[in-house]
Amino acid sequence: MSAFLVEGAVRWSEADASGRFHYANALLWAVSAEYLQPFLAGDAYMVRLWVERLGNSSVTYGWQILSGEVPAVEGRHSVVHVDATGRAAPISATLRAGLSGYLMGAG
C-alpha cells in the first residue's frame, strides 16, 4: 500500500489563539465529501452543519453545501477534544449540552 506524504511545519496562520493547529486547516487534507453538482463563479450557496455523533471525546459533524435547496456537496468530519497536553479528553457537560441541540441526521 502506498500513501502520499508531505512534510511541513505549522505556520502561525494555521494556529488558533492557544498556538495549537486549528482544526479547520486539517480540512485541507482530511475531509470526506461527495460532490453532487458543480458551483460556478458567482453562484450563491448556503452551508448546513449538524452533529452526527457525539462521542466521549469526539464529535462527528455532517455538512452540506446547498445550491438553493439542493445539496451540491455533502460531507463529514470528526474532531477530538484534547486537554492541555494534547491528549484526548472527555467533552465537558456544558459543551455536550450545547452540542446535543444540533444532534441529528442529514437534512
Protein backbone atom coordinates (compact mmCIF):
# COMPACT_ATOMS: atom_id res chain seq x y z
CA MET A 1 0.00 0.00 0.00
CA SER A 2 1.39 3.43 -0.90
CA ALA A 3 0.49 6.80 0.53
CA PHE A 4 1.07 10.41 -0.41
CA LEU A 5 3.20 12.14 2.21
CA VAL A 6 4.00 15.81 2.61
CA GLU A 7 6.13 17.44 5.26
CA GLY A 8 5.73 20.88 6.71
CA ALA A 9 5.75 22.97 9.85
CA VAL A 10 2.68 24.57 11.42
CA ARG A 11 2.65 28.22 10.42
CA TRP A 12 1.39 30.97 12.70
CA SER A 13 -1.54 31.50 10.37
CA GLU A 14 -2.60 27.84 10.90
CA ALA A 15 -2.75 28.13 14.70
CA ASP A 16 -5.56 29.25 16.97
CA ALA A 17 -5.18 31.70 19.85
CA SER A 18 -3.69 28.97 22.06
CA GLY A 19 -0.96 28.29 19.49
CA ARG A 20 -2.40 24.90 18.51
CA PHE A 21 -3.01 23.88 14.90
CA HIS A 22 -6.57 24.98 14.15
CA TYR A 23 -8.72 22.01 13.15
CA ALA A 24 -10.18 23.82 10.15
CA ASN A 25 -6.77 23.65 8.49
CA ALA A 26 -6.91 19.86 8.66
CA LEU A 27 -9.87 20.00 6.31
CA LEU A 28 -7.37 20.87 3.59
CA TRP A 29 -6.24 17.22 3.82
CA ALA A 30 -8.75 15.13 5.73
CA VAL A 31 -12.37 15.64 4.82
CA SER A 32 -14.87 13.16 3.49
CA ALA A 33 -17.01 14.79 0.83
CA GLU A 34 -19.23 13.81 -2.06
CA TYR A 35 -19.66 16.35 -4.83
CA LEU A 36 -23.16 16.12 -6.28
CA GLN A 37 -23.26 19.11 -8.61
CA PRO A 38 -20.86 21.91 -9.53
CA PHE A 39 -20.90 25.56 -8.50
CA LEU A 40 -19.93 28.30 -10.92
CA ALA A 41 -18.19 31.56 -10.10
CA GLY A 42 -20.74 33.93 -8.61
CA ASP A 43 -23.20 31.19 -7.55
CA ALA A 44 -24.81 31.71 -4.16
CA TYR A 45 -24.62 28.90 -1.62
CA MET A 46 -25.54 28.02 1.94
CA VAL A 47 -23.73 25.67 4.31
CA ARG A 48 -25.73 23.34 6.59
CA LEU A 49 -23.80 21.81 9.53
CA TRP A 50 -25.02 19.38 12.20
CA VAL A 51 -23.71 16.95 14.79
CA GLU A 52 -23.95 13.37 13.51
CA ARG A 53 -22.33 11.70 16.52
CA LEU A 54 -21.35 12.91 19.96
CA GLY A 55 -18.80 10.55 21.49
CA ASN A 56 -16.94 10.64 24.78
CA SER A 57 -14.12 12.84 23.47
CA SER A 58 -15.02 13.33 19.80
CA VAL A 59 -17.68 14.97 17.69
CA THR A 60 -18.57 13.96 14.13
CA TYR A 61 -20.10 16.75 12.11
CA GLY A 62 -22.12 16.27 8.95
CA TRP A 63 -22.49 19.11 6.48
CA GLN A 64 -23.98 20.08 3.17
CA ILE A 65 -23.32 22.95 0.81
CA LEU A 66 -26.63 23.84 -0.80
CA SER A 67 -27.42 25.43 -4.13
CA GLY A 68 -30.83 26.81 -3.28
CA GLU A 69 -32.48 23.86 -1.54
CA VAL A 70 -30.46 21.25 -3.47
CA PRO A 71 -27.35 19.66 -1.88
CA ALA A 72 -24.31 20.26 -4.12
CA VAL A 73 -21.71 18.85 -1.69
CA GLU A 74 -22.17 16.57 1.32
CA GLY A 75 -19.52 15.53 3.79
CA ARG A 76 -18.47 14.81 7.32
CA HIS A 77 -15.51 15.23 9.58
CA SER A 78 -14.62 14.39 13.15
CA VAL A 79 -12.77 16.41 15.76
CA VAL A 80 -11.33 15.29 19.10
CA HIS A 81 -11.44 17.37 22.28
CA VAL A 82 -7.97 17.50 23.83
CA ASP A 83 -6.57 18.59 27.18
CA ALA A 84 -3.63 20.95 27.77
CA THR A 85 -1.15 18.16 26.97
CA GLY A 86 -2.77 17.37 23.63
CA ARG A 87 -4.32 14.08 24.76
CA ALA A 88 -7.94 13.14 24.08
CA ALA A 89 -10.17 14.31 26.93
CA PRO A 90 -13.87 13.88 27.71
CA ILE A 91 -16.18 16.57 26.38
CA SER A 92 -17.43 18.73 29.26
CA ALA A 93 -21.07 18.54 30.31
CA THR A 94 -21.56 22.18 29.26
CA LEU A 95 -20.19 21.61 25.75
CA ARG A 96 -22.08 18.31 25.45
CA ALA A 97 -25.34 20.07 26.37
CA GLY A 98 -24.72 22.79 23.78
CA LEU A 99 -23.81 20.35 21.01
CA SER A 100 -26.66 17.95 21.74
CA GLY A 101 -29.13 20.54 20.43
CA TYR A 102 -27.56 20.07 16.98
CA LEU A 103 -27.52 16.25 17.09
CA MET A 104 -29.47 14.92 14.12
CA GLY A 105 -29.22 13.12 10.81
CA ALA A 106 -28.75 14.70 7.41
CA GLY A 107 -31.30 17.13 6.21
